């Protein structure tokens, strides 16, 4: 399982609906293999979707998250937005070093 973040920007900048997580989850399909979806609002007009994706590889997880985002945008389960990037978040070096300890 991989944690994949998708960063989006609304066009034009707008407040996010309170039910964004529920609306996005309603658009998921069993074949998406998304175990969990979180919404992280950011400065006006930006938000991040956090997907826990079941996949055989990092590349497959990122591709699936991107495909799901584009589908959710297409069926208007998300506000009108531009997908900025999709990828696995990197852990800060200090976190990795403290865990190796």
PDB file of N, CA and C in Angstrom:
ATOM      1  N   UNK A   1       0.854  -1.171   0.000  1.00  0.00           N
ATOM      2  CA  UNK A   1       0.000   0.000   0.000  1.00  0.00           C
ATOM      3  C   UNK A   1       0.897   1.230   0.000  1.00  0.00           C
ATOM      4  N   UNK A   2       0.483   2.236  -0.756  1.00  0.00           N
ATOM      5  CA  UNK A   2       1.266   3.459  -0.904  1.00  0.00           C
ATOM      6  C   UNK A   2       0.403   4.676  -0.575  1.00  0.00           C
ATOM      7  N   UNK A   3       1.006   5.639   0.096  1.00  0.00           N
ATOM      8  CA  UNK A   3       0.369   6.938   0.305  1.00  0.00           C
ATOM      9  C   UNK A   3       0.768   7.822  -0.864  1.00  0.00           C
ATOM     10  N   UNK A   4      -0.226   8.307  -1.597  1.00  0.00           N
ATOM     11  CA  UNK A   4       0.015   9.165  -2.754  1.00  0.00           C
ATOM     12  C   UNK A   4      -0.756  10.461  -2.551  1.00  0.00           C
ATOM     13  N   UNK A   5      -0.081  11.584  -2.742  1.00  0.00           N
ATOM     14  CA  UNK A   5      -0.722  12.895  -2.655  1.00  0.00           C
ATOM     15  C   UNK A   5      -0.970  13.448  -4.049  1.00  0.00           C
ATOM     16  N   UNK A   6      -2.137  14.034  -4.225  1.00  0.00           N
ATOM     17  CA  UNK A   6      -2.479  14.747  -5.451  1.00  0.00           C
ATOM     18  C   UNK A   6      -2.772  16.192  -5.061  1.00  0.00           C
ATOM     19  N   UNK A   7      -1.993  17.114  -5.611  1.00  0.00           N
ATOM     20  CA  UNK A   7      -2.188  18.536  -5.305  1.00  0.00           C
ATOM     21  C   UNK A   7      -3.018  19.165  -6.414  1.00  0.00           C
ATOM     22  N   UNK A   8      -4.032  19.940  -5.998  1.00  0.00           N
ATOM     23  CA  UNK A   8      -4.931  20.577  -6.950  1.00  0.00           C
ATOM     24  C   UNK A   8      -5.105  22.052  -6.612  1.00  0.00           C
ATOM     25  N   UNK A   9      -5.470  22.819  -7.643  1.00  0.00           N
ATOM     26  CA  UNK A   9      -5.763  24.250  -7.468  1.00  0.00           C
ATOM     27  C   UNK A   9      -7.090  24.528  -8.154  1.00  0.00           C
ATOM     28  N   UNK A  10      -8.022  25.126  -7.414  1.00  0.00           N
ATOM     29  CA  UNK A  10      -9.319  25.455  -8.002  1.00  0.00           C
ATOM     30  C   UNK A  10      -9.154  26.611  -8.977  1.00  0.00           C
ATOM     31  N   UNK A  11     -10.019  26.608  -9.972  1.00  0.00           N
ATOM     32  CA  UNK A  11      -9.974  27.659 -10.983  1.00  0.00           C
ATOM     33  C   UNK A  11     -11.403  28.133 -11.224  1.00  0.00           C
ATOM     34  N   UNK A  12     -11.714  29.357 -10.838  1.00  0.00           N
ATOM     35  CA  UNK A  12     -10.919  30.339 -10.092  1.00  0.00           C
ATOM     36  C   UNK A  12     -10.816  29.922  -8.620  1.00  0.00           C
ATOM     37  N   UNK A  13      -9.917  30.587  -7.866  1.00  0.00           N
ATOM     38  CA  UNK A  13      -9.792  30.253  -6.441  1.00  0.00           C
ATOM     39  C   UNK A  13     -11.157  30.340  -5.749  1.00  0.00           C
ATOM     40  N   UNK A  14     -11.461  29.347  -4.956  1.00  0.00           N
ATOM     41  CA  UNK A  14     -12.755  29.314  -4.267  1.00  0.00           C
ATOM     42  C   UNK A  14     -12.630  28.507  -2.982  1.00  0.00           C
ATOM     43  N   UNK A  15     -13.578  28.713  -2.098  1.00  0.00           N
ATOM     44  CA  UNK A  15     -13.630  27.918  -0.876  1.00  0.00           C
ATOM     45  C   UNK A  15     -14.046  26.498  -1.235  1.00  0.00           C
ATOM     46  N   UNK A  16     -13.551  25.554  -0.474  1.00  0.00           N
ATOM     47  CA  UNK A  16     -13.894  24.156  -0.719  1.00  0.00           C
ATOM     48  C   UNK A  16     -15.186  23.797  -0.002  1.00  0.00           C
ATOM     49  N   UNK A  17     -16.014  22.962  -0.617  1.00  0.00           N
ATOM     50  CA  UNK A  17     -17.250  22.551   0.058  1.00  0.00           C
ATOM     51  C   UNK A  17     -16.940  21.713   1.295  1.00  0.00           C
ATOM     52  N   UNK A  18     -17.784  21.826   2.299  1.00  0.00           N
ATOM     53  CA  UNK A  18     -17.585  21.082   3.548  1.00  0.00           C
ATOM     54  C   UNK A  18     -17.645  19.571   3.348  1.00  0.00           C
ATOM     55  N   UNK A  19     -18.376  19.134   2.336  1.00  0.00           N
ATOM     56  CA  UNK A  19     -18.550  17.696   2.108  1.00  0.00           C
ATOM     57  C   UNK A  19     -17.620  17.154   1.023  1.00  0.00           C
ATOM     58  N   UNK A  20     -16.498  17.820   0.789  1.00  0.00           N
ATOM     59  CA  UNK A  20     -15.606  17.425  -0.302  1.00  0.00           C
ATOM     60  C   UNK A  20     -15.128  15.983  -0.151  1.00  0.00           C
ATOM     61  N   UNK A  21     -14.733  15.592   1.044  1.00  0.00           N
ATOM     62  CA  UNK A  21     -14.245  14.222   1.247  1.00  0.00           C
ATOM     63  C   UNK A  21     -15.333  13.207   0.910  1.00  0.00           C
ATOM     64  N   UNK A  22     -16.538  13.447   1.390  1.00  0.00           N
ATOM     65  CA  UNK A  22     -17.635  12.517   1.133  1.00  0.00           C
ATOM     66  C   UNK A  22     -17.968  12.466  -0.355  1.00  0.00           C
ATOM     67  N   UNK A  23     -17.965  13.624  -1.014  1.00  0.00           N
ATOM     68  CA  UNK A  23     -18.260  13.661  -2.449  1.00  0.00           C
ATOM     69  C   UNK A  23     -17.195  12.912  -3.243  1.00  0.00           C
ATOM     70  N   UNK A  24     -15.937  13.101  -2.874  1.00  0.00           N
ATOM     71  CA  UNK A  24     -14.853  12.407  -3.570  1.00  0.00           C
ATOM     72  C   UNK A  24     -14.938  10.900  -3.325  1.00  0.00           C
ATOM     73  N   UNK A  25     -15.177  10.496  -2.086  1.00  0.00           N
ATOM     74  CA  UNK A  25     -15.275   9.059  -1.771  1.00  0.00           C
ATOM     75  C   UNK A  25     -16.438   8.406  -2.517  1.00  0.00           C
ATOM     76  N   UNK A  26     -17.524   9.149  -2.699  1.00  0.00           N
ATOM     77  CA  UNK A  26     -18.675   8.600  -3.416  1.00  0.00           C
ATOM     78  C   UNK A  26     -18.325   8.285  -4.870  1.00  0.00           C
ATOM     79  N   UNK A  27     -17.326   8.964  -5.405  1.00  0.00           N
ATOM     80  CA  UNK A  27     -16.912   8.727  -6.786  1.00  0.00           C
ATOM     81  C   UNK A  27     -15.906   7.608  -6.960  1.00  0.00           C
ATOM     82  N   UNK A  28     -15.462   7.011  -5.856  1.00  0.00           N
ATOM     83  CA  UNK A  28     -14.499   5.910  -5.950  1.00  0.00           C
ATOM     84  C   UNK A  28     -15.207   4.620  -6.358  1.00  0.00           C
ATOM     85  N   UNK A  29     -14.464   3.757  -7.051  1.00  0.00           N
ATOM     86  CA  UNK A  29     -14.977   2.455  -7.473  1.00  0.00           C
ATOM     87  C   UNK A  29     -14.153   1.359  -6.804  1.00  0.00           C
ATOM     88  N   UNK A  30     -14.729   0.181  -6.588  1.00  0.00           N
ATOM     89  CA  UNK A  30     -13.957  -0.903  -5.969  1.00  0.00           C
ATOM     90  C   UNK A  30     -12.657  -1.209  -6.717  1.00  0.00           C
ATOM     91  N   UNK A  31     -12.676  -1.131  -8.037  1.00  0.00           N
ATOM     92  CA  UNK A  31     -11.482  -1.408  -8.831  1.00  0.00           C
ATOM     93  C   UNK A  31     -10.379  -0.383  -8.663  1.00  0.00           C
ATOM     94  N   UNK A  32     -10.695   0.772  -8.049  1.00  0.00           N
ATOM     95  CA  UNK A  32      -9.669   1.799  -7.814  1.00  0.00           C
ATOM     96  C   UNK A  32      -8.662   1.338  -6.768  1.00  0.00           C
ATOM     97  N   UNK A  33      -9.090   0.444  -5.904  1.00  0.00           N
ATOM     98  CA  UNK A  33      -8.246  -0.092  -4.828  1.00  0.00           C
ATOM     99  C   UNK A  33      -7.696   1.019  -3.932  1.00  0.00           C
ATOM    100  N   UNK A  34      -8.566   1.984  -3.628  1.00  0.00           N
ATOM    101  CA  UNK A  34      -8.243   3.068  -2.700  1.00  0.00           C
ATOM    102  C   UNK A  34      -8.773   2.650  -1.331  1.00  0.00           C
ATOM    103  N   UNK A  35      -7.873   2.500  -0.372  1.00  0.00           N
ATOM    104  CA  UNK A  35      -8.268   2.071   0.970  1.00  0.00           C
ATOM    105  C   UNK A  35      -8.720   3.237   1.845  1.00  0.00           C
ATOM    106  N   UNK A  36      -8.199   4.408   1.585  1.00  0.00           N
ATOM    107  CA  UNK A  36      -8.521   5.578   2.404  1.00  0.00           C
ATOM    108  C   UNK A  36      -8.288   6.822   1.564  1.00  0.00           C
ATOM    109  N   UNK A  37      -9.115   7.828   1.768  1.00  0.00           N
ATOM    110  CA  UNK A  37      -8.975   9.108   1.071  1.00  0.00           C
ATOM    111  C   UNK A  37      -9.116  10.226   2.092  1.00  0.00           C
ATOM    112  N   UNK A  38      -8.155  11.124   2.107  1.00  0.00           N
ATOM    113  CA  UNK A  38      -8.197  12.292   2.996  1.00  0.00           C
ATOM    114  C   UNK A  38      -8.133  13.551   2.145  1.00  0.00           C
ATOM    115  N   UNK A  39      -8.730  14.620   2.652  1.00  0.00           N
ATOM    116  CA  UNK A  39      -8.683  15.920   1.987  1.00  0.00           C
ATOM    117  C   UNK A  39      -7.970  16.892   2.909  1.00  0.00           C
ATOM    118  N   UNK A  40      -6.970  17.569   2.377  1.00  0.00           N
ATOM    119  CA  UNK A  40      -6.199  18.545   3.142  1.00  0.00           C
ATOM    120  C   UNK A  40      -6.349  19.914   2.483  1.00  0.00           C
ATOM    121  N   UNK A  41      -7.250  20.780   3.000  1.00  0.00           N
ATOM    122  CA  UNK A  41      -7.371  22.133   2.457  1.00  0.00           C
ATOM    123  C   UNK A  41      -6.092  22.913   2.729  1.00  0.00           C
ATOM    124  N   UNK A  42      -5.746  23.795   1.812  1.00  0.00           N
ATOM    125  CA  UNK A  42      -4.556  24.620   1.950  1.00  0.00           C
ATOM    126  C   UNK A  42      -4.922  26.055   1.622  1.00  0.00           C
ATOM    127  N   UNK A  43      -3.932  26.912   1.389  1.00  0.00           N
ATOM    128  CA  UNK A  43      -4.276  28.310   1.130  1.00  0.00           C
ATOM    129  C   UNK A  43      -5.416  28.412   0.120  1.00  0.00           C
ATOM    130  N   UNK A  44      -6.137  29.498   0.151  1.00  0.00           N
ATOM    131  CA  UNK A  44      -7.320  29.621  -0.701  1.00  0.00           C
ATOM    132  C   UNK A  44      -7.082  29.080  -2.110  1.00  0.00           C
ATOM    133  N   UNK A  45      -7.976  28.168  -2.487  1.00  0.00           N
ATOM    134  CA  UNK A  45      -7.927  27.647  -3.837  1.00  0.00           C
ATOM    135  C   UNK A  45      -7.046  26.428  -4.035  1.00  0.00           C
ATOM    136  N   UNK A  46      -6.374  25.952  -3.010  1.00  0.00           N
ATOM    137  CA  UNK A  46      -5.520  24.770  -3.136  1.00  0.00           C
ATOM    138  C   UNK A  46      -5.996  23.681  -2.170  1.00  0.00           C
ATOM    139  N   UNK A  47      -5.835  22.436  -2.590  1.00  0.00           N
ATOM    140  CA  UNK A  47      -6.098  21.323  -1.683  1.00  0.00           C
ATOM    141  C   UNK A  47      -5.310  20.105  -2.140  1.00  0.00           C
ATOM    142  N   UNK A  48      -5.101  19.206  -1.205  1.00  0.00           N
ATOM    143  CA  UNK A  48      -4.396  17.959  -1.490  1.00  0.00           C
ATOM    144  C   UNK A  48      -5.309  16.799  -1.144  1.00  0.00           C
ATOM    145  N   UNK A  49      -5.364  15.833  -2.043  1.00  0.00           N
ATOM    146  CA  UNK A  49      -6.048  14.582  -1.765  1.00  0.00           C
ATOM    147  C   UNK A  49      -4.982  13.566  -1.401  1.00  0.00           C
ATOM    148  N   UNK A  50      -5.159  12.907  -0.277  1.00  0.00           N
ATOM    149  CA  UNK A  50      -4.238  11.854   0.139  1.00  0.00           C
ATOM    150  C   UNK A  50      -4.899  10.504  -0.057  1.00  0.00           C
ATOM    151  N   UNK A  51      -4.328   9.693  -0.918  1.00  0.00           N
ATOM    152  CA  UNK A  51      -4.860   8.367  -1.227  1.00  0.00           C
ATOM    153  C   UNK A  51      -3.963   7.291  -0.623  1.00  0.00           C
ATOM    154  N   UNK A  52      -4.547   6.309   0.020  1.00  0.00           N
ATOM    155  CA  UNK A  52      -3.827   5.078   0.351  1.00  0.00           C
ATOM    156  C   UNK A  52      -4.240   4.078  -0.721  1.00  0.00           C
ATOM    157  N   UNK A  53      -3.296   3.776  -1.607  1.00  0.00           N
ATOM    158  CA  UNK A  53      -3.564   2.974  -2.799  1.00  0.00           C
ATOM    159  C   UNK A  53      -2.935   1.589  -2.648  1.00  0.00           C
ATOM    160  N   UNK A  54      -3.713   0.559  -2.899  1.00  0.00           N
ATOM    161  CA  UNK A  54      -3.176  -0.800  -2.959  1.00  0.00           C
ATOM    162  C   UNK A  54      -2.689  -1.010  -4.390  1.00  0.00           C
ATOM    163  N   UNK A  55      -1.384  -1.242  -4.539  1.00  0.00           N
ATOM    164  CA  UNK A  55      -0.789  -1.409  -5.870  1.00  0.00           C
ATOM    165  C   UNK A  55       0.471  -2.249  -5.753  1.00  0.00           C
ATOM    166  N   UNK A  56       0.886  -2.795  -6.879  1.00  0.00           N
ATOM    167  CA  UNK A  56       2.085  -3.634  -6.909  1.00  0.00           C
ATOM    168  C   UNK A  56       3.379  -2.832  -6.934  1.00  0.00           C
ATOM    169  N   UNK A  57       3.291  -1.551  -7.286  1.00  0.00           N
ATOM    170  CA  UNK A  57       4.503  -0.735  -7.358  1.00  0.00           C
ATOM    171  C   UNK A  57       4.158   0.722  -7.090  1.00  0.00           C
ATOM    172  N   UNK A  58       5.170   1.482  -6.775  1.00  0.00           N
ATOM    173  CA  UNK A  58       5.017   2.919  -6.563  1.00  0.00           C
ATOM    174  C   UNK A  58       4.471   3.586  -7.819  1.00  0.00           C
ATOM    175  N   UNK A  59       5.039   3.237  -8.953  1.00  0.00           N
ATOM    176  CA  UNK A  59       4.595   3.827 -10.218  1.00  0.00           C
ATOM    177  C   UNK A  59       3.122   3.527 -10.480  1.00  0.00           C
ATOM    178  N   UNK A  60       2.705   2.296 -10.240  1.00  0.00           N
ATOM    179  CA  UNK A  60       1.304   1.924 -10.449  1.00  0.00           C
ATOM    180  C   UNK A  60       0.387   2.693  -9.504  1.00  0.00           C
ATOM    181  N   UNK A  61       0.810   2.893  -8.264  1.00  0.00           N
ATOM    182  CA  UNK A  61       0.004   3.641  -7.291  1.00  0.00           C
ATOM    183  C   UNK A  61      -0.160   5.091  -7.729  1.00  0.00           C
ATOM    184  N   UNK A  62       0.924   5.713  -8.181  1.00  0.00           N
ATOM    185  CA  UNK A  62       0.844   7.105  -8.639  1.00  0.00           C
ATOM    186  C   UNK A  62      -0.040   7.220  -9.874  1.00  0.00           C
ATOM    187  N   UNK A  63       0.099   6.288 -10.801  1.00  0.00           N
ATOM    188  CA  UNK A  63      -0.738   6.316 -12.009  1.00  0.00           C
ATOM    189  C   UNK A  63      -2.209   6.142 -11.660  1.00  0.00           C
ATOM    190  N   UNK A  64      -2.506   5.245 -10.727  1.00  0.00           N
ATOM    191  CA  UNK A  64      -3.900   5.021 -10.344  1.00  0.00           C
ATOM    192  C   UNK A  64      -4.479   6.258  -9.662  1.00  0.00           C
ATOM    193  N   UNK A  65      -3.721   6.880  -8.762  1.00  0.00           N
ATOM    194  CA  UNK A  65      -4.205   8.089  -8.086  1.00  0.00           C
ATOM    195  C   UNK A  65      -4.470   9.199  -9.100  1.00  0.00           C
ATOM    196  N   UNK A  66      -3.581   9.349 -10.074  1.00  0.00           N
ATOM    197  CA  UNK A  66      -3.791  10.368 -11.107  1.00  0.00           C
ATOM    198  C   UNK A  66      -5.046  10.068 -11.917  1.00  0.00           C
ATOM    199  N   UNK A  67      -5.225   8.827 -12.306  1.00  0.00           N
ATOM    200  CA  UNK A  67      -6.402   8.429 -13.070  1.00  0.00           C
ATOM    201  C   UNK A  67      -7.687   8.684 -12.285  1.00  0.00           C
ATOM    202  N   UNK A  68      -7.679   8.344 -11.005  1.00  0.00           N
ATOM    203  CA  UNK A  68      -8.851   8.574 -10.156  1.00  0.00           C
ATOM    204  C   UNK A  68      -9.138  10.068 -10.050  1.00  0.00           C
ATOM    205  N   UNK A  69      -8.112  10.881  -9.838  1.00  0.00           N
ATOM    206  CA  UNK A  69      -8.307  12.339  -9.747  1.00  0.00           C
ATOM    207  C   UNK A  69      -8.932  12.889 -11.021  1.00  0.00           C
ATOM    208  N   UNK A  70      -8.393  12.487 -12.166  1.00  0.00           N
ATOM    209  CA  UNK A  70      -8.922  12.986 -13.437  1.00  0.00           C
ATOM    210  C   UNK A  70     -10.370  12.556 -13.629  1.00  0.00           C
ATOM    211  N   UNK A  71     -10.701  11.340 -13.227  1.00  0.00           N
ATOM    212  CA  UNK A  71     -12.088  10.891 -13.327  1.00  0.00           C
ATOM    213  C   UNK A  71     -12.992  11.694 -12.395  1.00  0.00           C
ATOM    214  N   UNK A  72     -12.550  11.909 -11.141  1.00  0.00           N
ATOM    215  CA  UNK A  72     -13.353  12.681 -10.188  1.00  0.00           C
ATOM    216  C   UNK A  72     -13.566  14.108 -10.677  1.00  0.00           C
ATOM    217  N   UNK A  73     -12.546  14.688 -11.293  1.00  0.00           N
ATOM    218  CA  UNK A  73     -12.702  16.024 -11.874  1.00  0.00           C
ATOM    219  C   UNK A  73     -13.695  15.985 -13.033  1.00  0.00           C
ATOM    220  N   UNK A  74     -13.616  14.949 -13.854  1.00  0.00           N
ATOM    221  CA  UNK A  74     -14.485  14.833 -15.027  1.00  0.00           C
ATOM    222  C   UNK A  74     -15.950  14.663 -14.689  1.00  0.00           C
ATOM    223  N   UNK A  75     -16.244  13.973 -13.596  1.00  0.00           N
ATOM    224  CA  UNK A  75     -17.649  13.761 -13.209  1.00  0.00           C
ATOM    225  C   UNK A  75     -18.109  14.800 -12.184  1.00  0.00           C
ATOM    226  N   UNK A  76     -17.273  15.769 -11.935  1.00  0.00           N
ATOM    227  CA  UNK A  76     -17.573  16.886 -11.031  1.00  0.00           C
ATOM    228  C   UNK A  76     -17.795  16.461  -9.586  1.00  0.00           C
ATOM    229  N   UNK A  77     -17.115  15.394  -9.174  1.00  0.00           N
ATOM    230  CA  UNK A  77     -17.130  15.013  -7.761  1.00  0.00           C
ATOM    231  C   UNK A  77     -16.224  15.940  -6.960  1.00  0.00           C
ATOM    232  N   UNK A  78     -15.345  16.649  -7.677  1.00  0.00           N
ATOM    233  CA  UNK A  78     -14.454  17.651  -7.078  1.00  0.00           C
ATOM    234  C   UNK A  78     -14.809  19.004  -7.665  1.00  0.00           C
ATOM    235  N   UNK A  79     -14.465  20.096  -6.970  1.00  0.00           N
ATOM    236  CA  UNK A  79     -14.670  21.413  -7.564  1.00  0.00           C
ATOM    237  C   UNK A  79     -13.826  21.545  -8.827  1.00  0.00           C
ATOM    238  N   UNK A  80     -14.222  22.448  -9.718  1.00  0.00           N
ATOM    239  CA  UNK A  80     -13.419  22.700 -10.919  1.00  0.00           C
ATOM    240  C   UNK A  80     -12.004  23.057 -10.480  1.00  0.00           C
ATOM    241  N   UNK A  81     -11.045  22.254 -10.895  1.00  0.00           N
ATOM    242  CA  UNK A  81      -9.675  22.436 -10.425  1.00  0.00           C
ATOM    243  C   UNK A  81      -8.697  21.901 -11.454  1.00  0.00           C
ATOM    244  N   UNK A  82      -7.458  22.340 -11.304  1.00  0.00           N
ATOM    245  CA  UNK A  82      -6.357  21.849 -12.127  1.00  0.00           C
ATOM    246  C   UNK A  82      -5.514  20.914 -11.268  1.00  0.00           C
ATOM    247  N   UNK A  83      -5.220  19.742 -11.801  1.00  0.00           N
ATOM    248  CA  UNK A  83      -4.340  18.799 -11.117  1.00  0.00           C
ATOM    249  C   UNK A  83      -2.907  19.271 -11.322  1.00  0.00           C
ATOM    250  N   UNK A  84      -2.233  19.641 -10.227  1.00  0.00           N
ATOM    251  CA  UNK A  84      -0.878  20.188 -10.314  1.00  0.00           C
ATOM    252  C   UNK A  84       0.177  19.096 -10.354  1.00  0.00           C
ATOM    253  N   UNK A  85       0.069  18.118  -9.479  1.00  0.00           N
ATOM    254  CA  UNK A  85       1.006  16.997  -9.492  1.00  0.00           C
ATOM    255  C   UNK A  85       0.486  15.865  -8.625  1.00  0.00           C
ATOM    256  N   UNK A  86       1.054  14.701  -8.867  1.00  0.00           N
ATOM    257  CA  UNK A  86       0.695  13.489  -8.131  1.00  0.00           C
ATOM    258  C   UNK A  86       1.991  12.785  -7.773  1.00  0.00           C
ATOM    259  N   UNK A  87       2.134  12.386  -6.517  1.00  0.00           N
ATOM    260  CA  UNK A  87       3.338  11.661  -6.141  1.00  0.00           C
ATOM    261  C   UNK A  87       3.326  11.244  -4.686  1.00  0.00           C
ATOM    262  N   UNK A  88       4.251  10.377  -4.373  1.00  0.00           N
ATOM    263  CA  UNK A  88       4.426   9.915  -3.003  1.00  0.00           C
ATOM    264  C   UNK A  88       5.170  10.993  -2.231  1.00  0.00           C
ATOM    265  N   UNK A  89       4.642  11.425  -1.080  1.00  0.00           N
ATOM    266  CA  UNK A  89       5.347  12.451  -0.307  1.00  0.00           C
ATOM    267  C   UNK A  89       6.650  11.890   0.254  1.00  0.00           C
ATOM    268  N   UNK A  90       7.671  12.703   0.223  1.00  0.00           N
ATOM    269  CA  UNK A  90       8.969  12.306   0.763  1.00  0.00           C
ATOM    270  C   UNK A  90       9.027  12.630   2.244  1.00  0.00           C
ATOM    271  N   UNK A  91       9.644  11.759   3.005  1.00  0.00           N
ATOM    272  CA  UNK A  91       9.821  11.988   4.437  1.00  0.00           C
ATOM    273  C   UNK A  91      11.054  12.851   4.656  1.00  0.00           C
ATOM    274  N   UNK A  92      10.980  13.815   5.557  1.00  0.00           N
ATOM    275  CA  UNK A  92      12.154  14.636   5.853  1.00  0.00           C
ATOM    276  C   UNK A  92      13.304  13.771   6.368  1.00  0.00           C
ATOM    277  N   UNK A  93      14.524  14.186   6.071  1.00  0.00           N
ATOM    278  CA  UNK A  93      15.715  13.422   6.460  1.00  0.00           C
ATOM    279  C   UNK A  93      15.778  13.219   7.972  1.00  0.00           C
ATOM    280  N   UNK A  94      15.405  14.237   8.757  1.00  0.00           N
ATOM    281  CA  UNK A  94      15.500  14.099  10.212  1.00  0.00           C
ATOM    282  C   UNK A  94      14.603  12.985  10.724  1.00  0.00           C
ATOM    283  N   UNK A  95      13.458  12.772  10.092  1.00  0.00           N
ATOM    284  CA  UNK A  95      12.549  11.715  10.516  1.00  0.00           C
ATOM    285  C   UNK A  95      13.183  10.358  10.264  1.00  0.00           C
ATOM    286  N   UNK A  96      13.776  10.174   9.087  1.00  0.00           N
ATOM    287  CA  UNK A  96      14.426   8.905   8.751  1.00  0.00           C
ATOM    288  C   UNK A  96      15.593   8.628   9.684  1.00  0.00           C
ATOM    289  N   UNK A  97      16.374   9.658  10.000  1.00  0.00           N
ATOM    290  CA  UNK A  97      17.536   9.483  10.865  1.00  0.00           C
ATOM    291  C   UNK A  97      17.110   9.125  12.287  1.00  0.00           C
ATOM    292  N   UNK A  98      16.060   9.747  12.775  1.00  0.00           N
ATOM    293  CA  UNK A  98      15.620   9.470  14.144  1.00  0.00           C
ATOM    294  C   UNK A  98      15.062   8.052  14.255  1.00  0.00           C
ATOM    295  N   UNK A  99      14.500   7.525  13.181  1.00  0.00           N
ATOM    296  CA  UNK A  99      13.954   6.167  13.191  1.00  0.00           C
ATOM    297  C   UNK A  99      15.071   5.122  13.118  1.00  0.00           C
ATOM    298  N   UNK A 100      16.215   5.488  12.528  1.00  0.00           N
ATOM    299  CA  UNK A 100      17.317   4.533  12.377  1.00  0.00           C
ATOM    300  C   UNK A 100      18.057   4.327  13.691  1.00  0.00           C
ATOM    301  N   UNK A 101      17.950   5.317  14.585  1.00  0.00           N
ATOM    302  CA  UNK A 101      18.625   5.465  15.794  1.00  0.00           C
ATOM    303  C   UNK A 101      19.085   4.444  16.644  1.00  0.00           C
TER     304      UNK A 101
END
